[in-house]
């Protein structure tokens, strides 16, 4: 797996450089941003999250700058879904105008292609289990990498019980709710949380693509999904894009037994509008739910032996004004 850009700067030392080895070939390249300030204080009120210690994360980590795209997911399907026993593909990806991937051939020889104009748009019609299998595959080196082991051990019993948790030492995974929340709302320079993921306490404006700050694809303002980088003026304090709008994003959080967490709001009219983008609105779905409004992004912690977290040089983000503690 290759690492892409990290935040607004560049990684000073990649794992394979530190180890003196060549980077492995990879079909899927991910742009990562680094989220630091380990042990940051939790946000308030606690009801903003299903998870305890809302937004507090004890470790540094990387999170993908953009949502997983149709192009990336199609590579996964072509590598692992020639027969597709796990239902990684949803026919609505082809039949819906909002889906981005077609399938041809028959069982045992399925192949997948990205629709014209859809490559950089986020994949949708994916369940929580599809997302965990993608992260397992990505962490296992792509290609023939396993989908059932890795960050998550996926057995029929554990899936049925919704009891799957991240394995110790996992390197590539879905973000926990706190990891997702911190990347979206926490400013590590000013040591504060914002209400919206564009680094502001002012409600985000739902609009078609624009470079103007604090705009997003929500409330059907753009009529459909938009490609990565369509709102260049609306990055989070950590340098991610579209953590507000475009697609709701799965996270690891188990909620009330049968549900998994999601956050961020979506492009659709039924996506809750700008309010769904705020820090105060966690969400939950059955992990088997798939829809045109639902996708995911990935997170990563490299192996400690690489020294990558220590060696990574991350450009300093501009400090933002501290939010008064009583304002919410």
C-alpha atoms as a PDB file:
ATOM      1  CA  UNK A   1       0.000   0.000   0.000  1.00  0.00           C
ATOM      2  CA  UNK A   2       1.332   3.414  -0.890  1.00  0.00           C
ATOM      3  CA  UNK A   3       0.823   6.540   1.125  1.00  0.00           C
ATOM      4  CA  UNK A   4      -0.286   9.678  -0.625  1.00  0.00           C
ATOM      5  CA  UNK A   5      -0.053  13.272   0.535  1.00  0.00           C
ATOM      6  CA  UNK A   6      -0.390  13.984   4.243  1.00  0.00           C
ATOM      7  CA  UNK A   7      -2.398  17.053   5.182  1.00  0.00           C
ATOM      8  CA  UNK A   8      -1.215  20.297   3.643  1.00  0.00           C
ATOM      9  CA  UNK A   9       2.382  19.072   3.697  1.00  0.00           C
ATOM     10  CA  UNK A  10       4.331  15.979   2.735  1.00  0.00           C
ATOM     11  CA  UNK A  11       5.401  12.943   4.693  1.00  0.00           C
ATOM     12  CA  UNK A  12       9.090  13.417   5.432  1.00  0.00           C
ATOM     13  CA  UNK A  13       9.824   9.711   5.635  1.00  0.00           C
ATOM     14  CA  UNK A  14       7.687   6.907   4.248  1.00  0.00           C
ATOM     15  CA  UNK A  15       7.737   3.476   5.830  1.00  0.00           C
ATOM     16  CA  UNK A  16       9.644   1.858   2.995  1.00  0.00           C
ATOM     17  CA  UNK A  17      12.178   4.695   2.969  1.00  0.00           C
ATOM     18  CA  UNK A  18      12.825   4.256   6.700  1.00  0.00           C
ATOM     19  CA  UNK A  19      13.227   0.516   6.190  1.00  0.00           C
ATOM     20  CA  UNK A  20      15.299   0.917   3.037  1.00  0.00           C
ATOM     21  CA  UNK A  21      12.883  -1.135   0.938  1.00  0.00           C
ATOM     22  CA  UNK A  22      11.004  -0.432  -2.258  1.00  0.00           C
ATOM     23  CA  UNK A  23       7.357   0.548  -2.133  1.00  0.00           C
ATOM     24  CA  UNK A  24       5.063  -2.321  -3.137  1.00  0.00           C
ATOM     25  CA  UNK A  25       2.949  -1.994  -6.254  1.00  0.00           C
ATOM     26  CA  UNK A  26      -0.619  -1.033  -5.453  1.00  0.00           C
ATOM     27  CA  UNK A  27      -3.739  -0.466  -7.500  1.00  0.00           C
ATOM     28  CA  UNK A  28      -5.334   1.775  -4.877  1.00  0.00           C
ATOM     29  CA  UNK A  29      -3.508   4.904  -3.767  1.00  0.00           C
ATOM     30  CA  UNK A  30      -4.898   6.804  -0.795  1.00  0.00           C
ATOM     31  CA  UNK A  31      -4.217  10.434   0.073  1.00  0.00           C
ATOM     32  CA  UNK A  32      -3.808  10.570   3.847  1.00  0.00           C
ATOM     33  CA  UNK A  33      -3.882  13.401   6.362  1.00  0.00           C
ATOM     34  CA  UNK A  34      -2.296  13.085   9.773  1.00  0.00           C
ATOM     35  CA  UNK A  35      -4.335  13.759  12.912  1.00  0.00           C
ATOM     36  CA  UNK A  36      -2.077  14.492  15.867  1.00  0.00           C
ATOM     37  CA  UNK A  37      -2.346  15.921  19.381  1.00  0.00           C
ATOM     38  CA  UNK A  38      -2.865  12.518  21.054  1.00  0.00           C
ATOM     39  CA  UNK A  39      -4.776  12.598  24.316  1.00  0.00           C
ATOM     40  CA  UNK A  40      -6.775  15.690  23.373  1.00  0.00           C
ATOM     41  CA  UNK A  41      -9.661  16.608  25.650  1.00  0.00           C
ATOM     42  CA  UNK A  42     -13.128  15.275  24.845  1.00  0.00           C
ATOM     43  CA  UNK A  43     -15.755  17.574  23.381  1.00  0.00           C
ATOM     44  CA  UNK A  44     -18.919  18.585  25.194  1.00  0.00           C
ATOM     45  CA  UNK A  45     -21.719  17.825  25.482  1.00  0.00           C
ATOM     46  CA  UNK A  46     -21.062  14.097  25.656  1.00  0.00           C
ATOM     47  CA  UNK A  47     -24.320  13.497  23.761  1.00  0.00           C
ATOM     48  CA  UNK A  48     -22.563  14.590  20.550  1.00  0.00           C
ATOM     49  CA  UNK A  49     -21.224  11.040  20.302  1.00  0.00           C
ATOM     50  CA  UNK A  50     -22.409   7.531  20.998  1.00  0.00           C
ATOM     51  CA  UNK A  51     -18.833   6.770  22.062  1.00  0.00           C
ATOM     52  CA  UNK A  52     -17.449   7.742  25.449  1.00  0.00           C
ATOM     53  CA  UNK A  53     -14.950  10.643  25.620  1.00  0.00           C
ATOM     54  CA  UNK A  54     -16.352  12.250  22.485  1.00  0.00           C
ATOM     55  CA  UNK A  55     -13.553  13.151  20.066  1.00  0.00           C
ATOM     56  CA  UNK A  56     -10.695  12.235  22.402  1.00  0.00           C
ATOM     57  CA  UNK A  57      -8.113   9.916  20.820  1.00  0.00           C
ATOM     58  CA  UNK A  58      -5.048   8.608  22.638  1.00  0.00           C
ATOM     59  CA  UNK A  59      -2.877   8.123  19.550  1.00  0.00           C
ATOM     60  CA  UNK A  60      -1.837   9.850  16.353  1.00  0.00           C
ATOM     61  CA  UNK A  61      -3.287   8.370  13.171  1.00  0.00           C
ATOM     62  CA  UNK A  62      -3.913   8.968   9.492  1.00  0.00           C
ATOM     63  CA  UNK A  63      -7.320   9.301   7.889  1.00  0.00           C
ATOM     64  CA  UNK A  64      -8.097   9.446   4.196  1.00  0.00           C
ATOM     65  CA  UNK A  65      -8.331  12.961   2.836  1.00  0.00           C
ATOM     66  CA  UNK A  66     -11.333  11.975   0.719  1.00  0.00           C
ATOM     67  CA  UNK A  67     -14.100   9.398   0.862  1.00  0.00           C
ATOM     68  CA  UNK A  68     -13.383   6.053  -0.818  1.00  0.00           C
ATOM     69  CA  UNK A  69     -14.191   6.524  -4.497  1.00  0.00           C
ATOM     70  CA  UNK A  70     -15.862   4.423  -7.156  1.00  0.00           C
ATOM     71  CA  UNK A  71     -12.487   3.970  -8.861  1.00  0.00           C
ATOM     72  CA  UNK A  72     -10.931   2.599  -5.679  1.00  0.00           C
ATOM     73  CA  UNK A  73     -13.845   0.318  -4.903  1.00  0.00           C
ATOM     74  CA  UNK A  74     -13.943  -1.003  -8.488  1.00  0.00           C
ATOM     75  CA  UNK A  75     -10.305  -2.072  -8.119  1.00  0.00           C
ATOM     76  CA  UNK A  76     -11.354  -3.966  -5.005  1.00  0.00           C
ATOM     77  CA  UNK A  77     -14.257  -5.633  -6.797  1.00  0.00           C
ATOM     78  CA  UNK A  78     -12.085  -6.698  -9.722  1.00  0.00           C
ATOM     79  CA  UNK A  79      -9.588  -8.209  -7.293  1.00  0.00           C
ATOM     80  CA  UNK A  80     -12.021  -9.979  -4.964  1.00  0.00           C
ATOM     81  CA  UNK A  81     -15.508 -10.284  -6.458  1.00  0.00           C
ATOM     82  CA  UNK A  82     -15.208 -12.498  -9.526  1.00  0.00           C
ATOM     83  CA  UNK A  83     -17.834 -14.683  -7.853  1.00  0.00           C
ATOM     84  CA  UNK A  84     -18.876 -12.216  -5.106  1.00  0.00           C
ATOM     85  CA  UNK A  85     -20.098 -14.618  -2.396  1.00  0.00           C
ATOM     86  CA  UNK A  86     -20.078 -11.784   0.137  1.00  0.00           C
ATOM     87  CA  UNK A  87     -22.273  -9.452  -1.882  1.00  0.00           C
ATOM     88  CA  UNK A  88     -19.669  -6.712  -2.213  1.00  0.00           C
ATOM     89  CA  UNK A  89     -21.478  -5.387  -5.275  1.00  0.00           C
ATOM     90  CA  UNK A  90     -24.980  -3.918  -5.243  1.00  0.00           C
ATOM     91  CA  UNK A  91     -26.880  -3.864  -8.541  1.00  0.00           C
ATOM     92  CA  UNK A  92     -28.033  -0.322  -7.789  1.00  0.00           C
ATOM     93  CA  UNK A  93     -24.454   0.790  -8.391  1.00  0.00           C
ATOM     94  CA  UNK A  94     -25.300   0.256 -12.061  1.00  0.00           C
ATOM     95  CA  UNK A  95     -29.053   0.852 -12.210  1.00  0.00           C
ATOM     96  CA  UNK A  96     -29.163   4.063 -10.164  1.00  0.00           C
ATOM     97  CA  UNK A  97     -28.052   7.340 -11.708  1.00  0.00           C
ATOM     98  CA  UNK A  98     -26.252   7.962  -8.415  1.00  0.00           C
ATOM     99  CA  UNK A  99     -24.311   4.680  -8.532  1.00  0.00           C
ATOM    100  CA  UNK A 100     -20.908   4.573 -10.184  1.00  0.00           C
ATOM    101  CA  UNK A 101     -19.942   0.980 -11.055  1.00  0.00           C
ATOM    102  CA  UNK A 102     -21.195  -1.550 -13.622  1.00  0.00           C
ATOM    103  CA  UNK A 103     -20.729  -5.320 -13.673  1.00  0.00           C
ATOM    104  CA  UNK A 104     -20.419  -7.650 -16.644  1.00  0.00           C
ATOM    105  CA  UNK A 105     -19.870 -11.375 -17.130  1.00  0.00           C
ATOM    106  CA  UNK A 106     -21.202 -14.245 -15.050  1.00  0.00           C
ATOM    107  CA  UNK A 107     -20.443 -15.847 -11.673  1.00  0.00           C
ATOM    108  CA  UNK A 108     -16.774 -16.757 -11.540  1.00  0.00           C
ATOM    109  CA  UNK A 109     -15.853 -14.230 -14.212  1.00  0.00           C
ATOM    110  CA  UNK A 110     -17.500 -11.003 -13.089  1.00  0.00           C
ATOM    111  CA  UNK A 111     -15.649  -7.843 -14.027  1.00  0.00           C
ATOM    112  CA  UNK A 112     -16.345  -4.275 -12.998  1.00  0.00           C
ATOM    113  CA  UNK A 113     -15.990  -0.866 -14.606  1.00  0.00           C
ATOM    114  CA  UNK A 114     -16.506   2.685 -13.421  1.00  0.00           C
ATOM    115  CA  UNK A 115     -19.231   4.675 -15.133  1.00  0.00           C
ATOM    116  CA  UNK A 116     -18.167   7.708 -17.130  1.00  0.00           C
ATOM    117  CA  UNK A 117     -17.700  10.749 -14.922  1.00  0.00           C
ATOM    118  CA  UNK A 118     -18.028   8.765 -11.682  1.00  0.00           C
ATOM    119  CA  UNK A 119     -14.430   7.761 -10.900  1.00  0.00           C
ATOM    120  CA  UNK A 120     -13.719  10.409  -8.255  1.00  0.00           C
ATOM    121  CA  UNK A 121     -17.187  10.380  -6.719  1.00  0.00           C
ATOM    122  CA  UNK A 122     -17.612   8.415  -3.493  1.00  0.00           C
ATOM    123  CA  UNK A 123     -18.719   4.823  -3.723  1.00  0.00           C
ATOM    124  CA  UNK A 124     -22.196   4.267  -2.321  1.00  0.00           C
ATOM    125  CA  UNK A 125     -24.587   1.338  -1.872  1.00  0.00           C
ATOM    126  CA  UNK A 126     -22.040  -0.212   0.509  1.00  0.00           C
ATOM    127  CA  UNK A 127     -22.828  -1.818   3.848  1.00  0.00           C
ATOM    128  CA  UNK A 128     -20.711  -1.652   6.982  1.00  0.00           C
ATOM    129  CA  UNK A 129     -19.497  -5.169   6.174  1.00  0.00           C
ATOM    130  CA  UNK A 130     -18.487  -4.164   2.646  1.00  0.00           C
ATOM    131  CA  UNK A 131     -16.450  -1.345   4.165  1.00  0.00           C
ATOM    132  CA  UNK A 132     -14.689  -3.613   6.675  1.00  0.00           C
ATOM    133  CA  UNK A 133     -13.828  -6.094   3.924  1.00  0.00           C
ATOM    134  CA  UNK A 134     -12.362  -3.274   1.832  1.00  0.00           C
ATOM    135  CA  UNK A 135     -10.148  -2.198   4.742  1.00  0.00           C
ATOM    136  CA  UNK A 136      -9.025  -5.779   5.396  1.00  0.00           C
ATOM    137  CA  UNK A 137      -8.075  -6.125   1.738  1.00  0.00           C
ATOM    138  CA  UNK A 138      -6.290  -2.775   1.672  1.00  0.00           C
ATOM    139  CA  UNK A 139      -4.323  -3.620   4.808  1.00  0.00           C
ATOM    140  CA  UNK A 140      -3.445  -7.070   3.460  1.00  0.00           C
ATOM    141  CA  UNK A 141      -1.692  -5.597   0.434  1.00  0.00           C
ATOM    142  CA  UNK A 142      -4.592  -5.503  -2.056  1.00  0.00           C
ATOM    143  CA  UNK A 143      -4.473  -7.941  -4.984  1.00  0.00           C
ATOM    144  CA  UNK A 144      -5.269 -11.367  -3.568  1.00  0.00           C
ATOM    145  CA  UNK A 145      -5.241 -10.013  -0.004  1.00  0.00           C
ATOM    146  CA  UNK A 146      -7.798 -11.579   2.319  1.00  0.00           C
ATOM    147  CA  UNK A 147     -11.078  -9.819   3.088  1.00  0.00           C
ATOM    148  CA  UNK A 148     -12.081 -11.874   6.134  1.00  0.00           C
ATOM    149  CA  UNK A 149      -9.036 -11.284   8.337  1.00  0.00           C
ATOM    150  CA  UNK A 150      -6.846  -8.296   9.071  1.00  0.00           C
ATOM    151  CA  UNK A 151      -8.152  -5.291  10.958  1.00  0.00           C
ATOM    152  CA  UNK A 152     -11.348  -7.294  11.508  1.00  0.00           C
ATOM    153  CA  UNK A 153     -11.976 -11.017  11.869  1.00  0.00           C
ATOM    154  CA  UNK A 154     -15.217 -11.558   9.983  1.00  0.00           C
ATOM    155  CA  UNK A 155     -16.993 -14.800  10.818  1.00  0.00           C
ATOM    156  CA  UNK A 156     -20.666 -15.553  10.144  1.00  0.00           C
ATOM    157  CA  UNK A 157     -21.364 -15.721  13.887  1.00  0.00           C
ATOM    158  CA  UNK A 158     -19.636 -12.416  14.656  1.00  0.00           C
ATOM    159  CA  UNK A 159     -21.370 -10.672  11.761  1.00  0.00           C
ATOM    160  CA  UNK A 160     -24.758 -12.021  12.836  1.00  0.00           C
ATOM    161  CA  UNK A 161     -24.152 -10.833  16.406  1.00  0.00           C
ATOM    162  CA  UNK A 162     -22.699  -7.486  15.241  1.00  0.00           C
ATOM    163  CA  UNK A 163     -19.820  -8.188  17.623  1.00  0.00           C
ATOM    164  CA  UNK A 164     -16.884  -7.545  15.277  1.00  0.00           C
ATOM    165  CA  UNK A 165     -14.279  -5.177  16.750  1.00  0.00           C
ATOM    166  CA  UNK A 166     -10.934  -3.884  15.510  1.00  0.00           C
ATOM    167  CA  UNK A 167      -8.080  -6.320  16.127  1.00  0.00           C
ATOM    168  CA  UNK A 168      -5.056  -5.296  18.172  1.00  0.00           C
ATOM    169  CA  UNK A 169      -2.295  -4.031  15.891  1.00  0.00           C
ATOM    170  CA  UNK A 170      -4.625  -3.248  12.986  1.00  0.00           C
ATOM    171  CA  UNK A 171      -3.023  -0.918  10.465  1.00  0.00           C
ATOM    172  CA  UNK A 172      -5.815  -0.009   8.033  1.00  0.00           C
ATOM    173  CA  UNK A 173      -9.369   0.192   9.317  1.00  0.00           C
ATOM    174  CA  UNK A 174     -12.595   2.139   9.468  1.00  0.00           C
ATOM    175  CA  UNK A 175     -12.252   5.091  11.830  1.00  0.00           C
ATOM    176  CA  UNK A 176     -13.786   4.779  15.251  1.00  0.00           C
ATOM    177  CA  UNK A 177     -16.430   7.378  16.001  1.00  0.00           C
ATOM    178  CA  UNK A 178     -13.900   9.345  18.050  1.00  0.00           C
ATOM    179  CA  UNK A 179     -11.251   9.172  15.309  1.00  0.00           C
ATOM    180  CA  UNK A 180     -13.793  10.316  12.729  1.00  0.00           C
ATOM    181  CA  UNK A 181     -15.120  13.099  14.983  1.00  0.00           C
ATOM    182  CA  UNK A 182     -11.671  14.414  15.859  1.00  0.00           C
ATOM    183  CA  UNK A 183     -10.615  14.554  12.200  1.00  0.00           C
ATOM    184  CA  UNK A 184     -13.769  16.469  11.302  1.00  0.00           C
ATOM    185  CA  UNK A 185     -14.242  18.940  14.139  1.00  0.00           C
ATOM    186  CA  UNK A 186     -11.060  19.256  16.214  1.00  0.00           C
ATOM    187  CA  UNK A 187      -8.450  21.945  15.584  1.00  0.00           C
ATOM    188  CA  UNK A 188      -5.096  20.675  16.936  1.00  0.00           C
ATOM    189  CA  UNK A 189      -3.490  24.112  16.726  1.00  0.00           C
ATOM    190  CA  UNK A 190      -6.161  26.005  18.649  1.00  0.00           C
ATOM    191  CA  UNK A 191      -7.056  22.959  20.796  1.00  0.00           C
ATOM    192  CA  UNK A 192     -10.794  23.336  20.306  1.00  0.00           C
ATOM    193  CA  UNK A 193     -13.748  21.787  18.535  1.00  0.00           C
ATOM    194  CA  UNK A 194     -15.890  23.451  15.896  1.00  0.00           C
ATOM    195  CA  UNK A 195     -19.550  22.760  15.277  1.00  0.00           C
ATOM    196  CA  UNK A 196     -19.119  22.085  11.535  1.00  0.00           C
ATOM    197  CA  UNK A 197     -16.384  20.198   9.677  1.00  0.00           C
ATOM    198  CA  UNK A 198     -15.215  23.210   7.653  1.00  0.00           C
ATOM    199  CA  UNK A 199     -13.589  24.716  10.746  1.00  0.00           C
ATOM    200  CA  UNK A 200     -16.438  26.980  11.786  1.00  0.00           C
ATOM    201  CA  UNK A 201     -19.351  27.315  14.179  1.00  0.00           C
ATOM    202  CA  UNK A 202     -21.516  28.843  11.446  1.00  0.00           C
ATOM    203  CA  UNK A 203     -23.934  26.430   9.756  1.00  0.00           C
ATOM    204  CA  UNK A 204     -22.553  25.106   6.479  1.00  0.00           C
ATOM    205  CA  UNK A 205     -24.275  26.277   3.283  1.00  0.00           C
ATOM    206  CA  UNK A 206     -25.599  23.495   1.038  1.00  0.00           C
ATOM    207  CA  UNK A 207     -24.681  24.338  -2.566  1.00  0.00           C
ATOM    208  CA  UNK A 208     -23.349  23.104  -5.876  1.00  0.00           C
ATOM    209  CA  UNK A 209     -19.533  22.823  -6.057  1.00  0.00           C
ATOM    210  CA  UNK A 210     -17.668  26.000  -5.156  1.00  0.00           C
ATOM    211  CA  UNK A 211     -14.351  27.141  -3.772  1.00  0.00           C
ATOM    212  CA  UNK A 212     -16.063  29.432  -1.280  1.00  0.00           C
ATOM    213  CA  UNK A 213     -15.460  28.449   2.338  1.00  0.00           C
ATOM    214  CA  UNK A 214     -18.029  26.539   4.405  1.00  0.00           C
ATOM    215  CA  UNK A 215     -20.056  25.037   1.568  1.00  0.00           C
ATOM    216  CA  UNK A 216     -20.937  21.370   1.076  1.00  0.00           C
ATOM    217  CA  UNK A 217     -22.960  18.938  -1.000  1.00  0.00           C
ATOM    218  CA  UNK A 218     -26.093  18.551   1.111  1.00  0.00           C
ATOM    219  CA  UNK A 219     -29.884  18.911   0.940  1.00  0.00           C
ATOM    220  CA  UNK A 220     -29.885  17.991  -2.787  1.00  0.00           C
ATOM    221  CA  UNK A 221     -28.288  21.340  -3.648  1.00  0.00           C
ATOM    222  CA  UNK A 222     -25.977  19.627  -6.147  1.00  0.00           C
ATOM    223  CA  UNK A 223     -28.678  17.101  -7.183  1.00  0.00           C
ATOM    224  CA  UNK A 224     -26.266  14.155  -6.899  1.00  0.00           C
ATOM    225  CA  UNK A 225     -22.863  13.110  -5.592  1.00  0.00           C
ATOM    226  CA  UNK A 226     -19.814  15.261  -6.305  1.00  0.00           C
ATOM    227  CA  UNK A 227     -16.204  14.312  -6.972  1.00  0.00           C
ATOM    228  CA  UNK A 228     -13.307  14.523  -4.552  1.00  0.00           C
ATOM    229  CA  UNK A 229     -12.077  18.086  -4.185  1.00  0.00           C
ATOM    230  CA  UNK A 230     -15.276  19.761  -5.402  1.00  0.00           C
ATOM    231  CA  UNK A 231     -15.364  22.092  -2.369  1.00  0.00           C
ATOM    232  CA  UNK A 232     -11.689  23.118  -2.042  1.00  0.00           C
ATOM    233  CA  UNK A 233     -12.402  25.986   0.355  1.00  0.00           C
ATOM    234  CA  UNK A 234     -14.111  23.779   2.926  1.00  0.00           C
ATOM    235  CA  UNK A 235     -11.446  21.521   4.396  1.00  0.00           C
ATOM    236  CA  UNK A 236     -11.643  20.419   8.010  1.00  0.00           C
ATOM    237  CA  UNK A 237      -9.009  21.771  10.432  1.00  0.00           C
ATOM    238  CA  UNK A 238      -7.061  18.550   9.790  1.00  0.00           C
ATOM    239  CA  UNK A 239      -7.244  18.779   5.996  1.00  0.00           C
ATOM    240  CA  UNK A 240     -10.010  16.291   5.180  1.00  0.00           C
ATOM    241  CA  UNK A 241     -12.775  16.997   2.680  1.00  0.00           C
ATOM    242  CA  UNK A 242     -16.449  16.024   2.583  1.00  0.00           C
ATOM    243  CA  UNK A 243     -16.735  14.940   6.196  1.00  0.00           C
ATOM    244  CA  UNK A 244     -19.829  17.084   5.911  1.00  0.00           C
ATOM    245  CA  UNK A 245     -22.152  16.077   3.071  1.00  0.00           C
ATOM    246  CA  UNK A 246     -21.729  14.002  -0.110  1.00  0.00           C
ATOM    247  CA  UNK A 247     -22.191  10.613   1.605  1.00  0.00           C
ATOM    248  CA  UNK A 248     -22.856   9.699   5.203  1.00  0.00           C
ATOM    249  CA  UNK A 249     -19.840   7.715   6.389  1.00  0.00           C
ATOM    250  CA  UNK A 250     -19.722   4.489   8.364  1.00  0.00           C
ATOM    251  CA  UNK A 251     -17.672   4.346  11.555  1.00  0.00           C
ATOM    252  CA  UNK A 252     -16.902   1.441  13.885  1.00  0.00           C
ATOM    253  CA  UNK A 253     -19.172   2.420  16.754  1.00  0.00           C
ATOM    254  CA  UNK A 254     -21.598  -0.267  17.926  1.00  0.00           C
ATOM    255  CA  UNK A 255     -24.856   1.431  18.917  1.00  0.00           C
ATOM    256  CA  UNK A 256     -27.528  -0.257  21.040  1.00  0.00           C
ATOM    257  CA  UNK A 257     -26.496  -3.747  19.948  1.00  0.00           C
ATOM    258  CA  UNK A 258     -27.825  -4.114  16.379  1.00  0.00           C
ATOM    259  CA  UNK A 259     -26.564  -0.837  14.871  1.00  0.00           C
ATOM    260  CA  UNK A 260     -23.336   0.773  13.662  1.00  0.00           C
ATOM    261  CA  UNK A 261     -22.525   4.458  13.673  1.00  0.00           C
ATOM    262  CA  UNK A 262     -22.401   6.848  10.749  1.00  0.00           C
ATOM    263  CA  UNK A 263     -21.749  10.577  10.592  1.00  0.00           C
ATOM    264  CA  UNK A 264     -21.524  13.579   8.302  1.00  0.00           C
ATOM    265  CA  UNK A 265     -24.837  13.921   6.472  1.00  0.00           C
ATOM    266  CA  UNK A 266     -25.283  13.326   2.757  1.00  0.00           C
ATOM    267  CA  UNK A 267     -26.034  14.928  -0.583  1.00  0.00           C
ATOM    268  CA  UNK A 268     -29.690  13.890  -0.663  1.00  0.00           C
ATOM    269  CA  UNK A 269     -32.779  15.862   0.202  1.00  0.00           C
ATOM    270  CA  UNK A 270     -33.541  13.317   2.910  1.00  0.00           C
ATOM    271  CA  UNK A 271     -30.049  13.634   4.343  1.00  0.00           C
ATOM    272  CA  UNK A 272     -31.027  16.086   7.065  1.00  0.00           C
ATOM    273  CA  UNK A 273     -29.759  19.259   5.408  1.00  0.00           C
ATOM    274  CA  UNK A 274     -26.939  21.304   6.894  1.00  0.00           C
ATOM    275  CA  UNK A 275     -27.949  20.320  10.432  1.00  0.00           C
ATOM    276  CA  UNK A 276     -26.874  16.720   9.752  1.00  0.00           C
ATOM    277  CA  UNK A 277     -23.318  17.948   9.176  1.00  0.00           C
ATOM    278  CA  UNK A 278     -22.963  19.308  12.694  1.00  0.00           C
ATOM    279  CA  UNK A 279     -21.031  17.778  15.562  1.00  0.00           C
ATOM    280  CA  UNK A 280     -24.261  17.392  17.514  1.00  0.00           C
ATOM    281  CA  UNK A 281     -25.797  14.815  15.141  1.00  0.00           C
ATOM    282  CA  UNK A 282     -24.505  11.234  15.396  1.00  0.00           C
ATOM    283  CA  UNK A 283     -26.335   8.604  13.378  1.00  0.00           C
ATOM    284  CA  UNK A 284     -26.899   4.853  13.374  1.00  0.00           C
ATOM    285  CA  UNK A 285     -27.998   2.244  10.856  1.00  0.00           C
ATOM    286  CA  UNK A 286     -28.226  -1.508  10.711  1.00  0.00           C
ATOM    287  CA  UNK A 287     -24.797  -2.583   9.394  1.00  0.00           C
ATOM    288  CA  UNK A 288     -26.442  -4.247   6.397  1.00  0.00           C
ATOM    289  CA  UNK A 289     -28.005  -0.992   5.124  1.00  0.00           C
ATOM    290  CA  UNK A 290     -26.910   0.130   1.653  1.00  0.00           C
ATOM    291  CA  UNK A 291     -28.085   3.281  -0.096  1.00  0.00           C
ATOM    292  CA  UNK A 292     -27.175   6.106  -2.455  1.00  0.00           C
ATOM    293  CA  UNK A 293     -26.440   8.295   0.576  1.00  0.00           C
ATOM    294  CA  UNK A 294     -23.986   6.013   2.391  1.00  0.00           C
ATOM    295  CA  UNK A 295     -20.245   5.435   1.943  1.00  0.00           C
ATOM    296  CA  UNK A 296     -17.049   5.486   4.013  1.00  0.00           C
ATOM    297  CA  UNK A 297     -13.455   6.602   4.388  1.00  0.00           C
ATOM    298  CA  UNK A 298     -10.506   4.717   5.865  1.00  0.00           C
ATOM    299  CA  UNK A 299      -7.925   5.323   8.586  1.00  0.00           C
ATOM    300  CA  UNK A 300      -4.458   3.965   9.297  1.00  0.00           C
ATOM    301  CA  UNK A 301      -1.775   3.546  11.933  1.00  0.00           C
ATOM    302  CA  UNK A 302       1.516   2.334  10.383  1.00  0.00           C
ATOM    303  CA  UNK A 303       3.601  -0.332  12.072  1.00  0.00           C
ATOM    304  CA  UNK A 304       5.528   1.168  15.019  1.00  0.00           C
ATOM    305  CA  UNK A 305       8.785  -0.230  13.628  1.00  0.00           C
ATOM    306  CA  UNK A 306       8.643   2.111  10.668  1.00  0.00           C
ATOM    307  CA  UNK A 307       8.895   5.211  12.817  1.00  0.00           C
ATOM    308  CA  UNK A 308       6.513   6.876  10.391  1.00  0.00           C
ATOM    309  CA  UNK A 309       4.412   8.677  12.970  1.00  0.00           C
ATOM    310  CA  UNK A 310       7.536  10.225  14.453  1.00  0.00           C
ATOM    311  CA  UNK A 311       9.204  10.973  11.137  1.00  0.00           C
ATOM    312  CA  UNK A 312       6.199  12.404   9.331  1.00  0.00           C
ATOM    313  CA  UNK A 313       6.566  16.109   8.738  1.00  0.00           C
ATOM    314  CA  UNK A 314       3.162  17.737   8.678  1.00  0.00           C
ATOM    315  CA  UNK A 315       2.794  21.331   7.559  1.00  0.00           C
ATOM    316  CA  UNK A 316       1.449  23.598  10.257  1.00  0.00           C
ATOM    317  CA  UNK A 317      -2.172  24.520   9.752  1.00  0.00           C
ATOM    318  CA  UNK A 318      -3.223  28.115  10.303  1.00  0.00           C
ATOM    319  CA  UNK A 319      -4.494  28.640  13.829  1.00  0.00           C
ATOM    320  CA  UNK A 320      -8.172  29.386  14.101  1.00  0.00           C
ATOM    321  CA  UNK A 321     -10.001  31.485  16.630  1.00  0.00           C
ATOM    322  CA  UNK A 322     -10.889  29.632  19.832  1.00  0.00           C
ATOM    323  CA  UNK A 323     -14.560  28.961  20.367  1.00  0.00           C
ATOM    324  CA  UNK A 324     -15.868  30.343  23.670  1.00  0.00           C
ATOM    325  CA  UNK A 325     -16.379  27.335  25.997  1.00  0.00           C
ATOM    326  CA  UNK A 326     -20.039  28.179  26.630  1.00  0.00           C
ATOM    327  CA  UNK A 327     -20.982  28.475  22.948  1.00  0.00           C
ATOM    328  CA  UNK A 328     -22.439  25.406  21.302  1.00  0.00           C
END
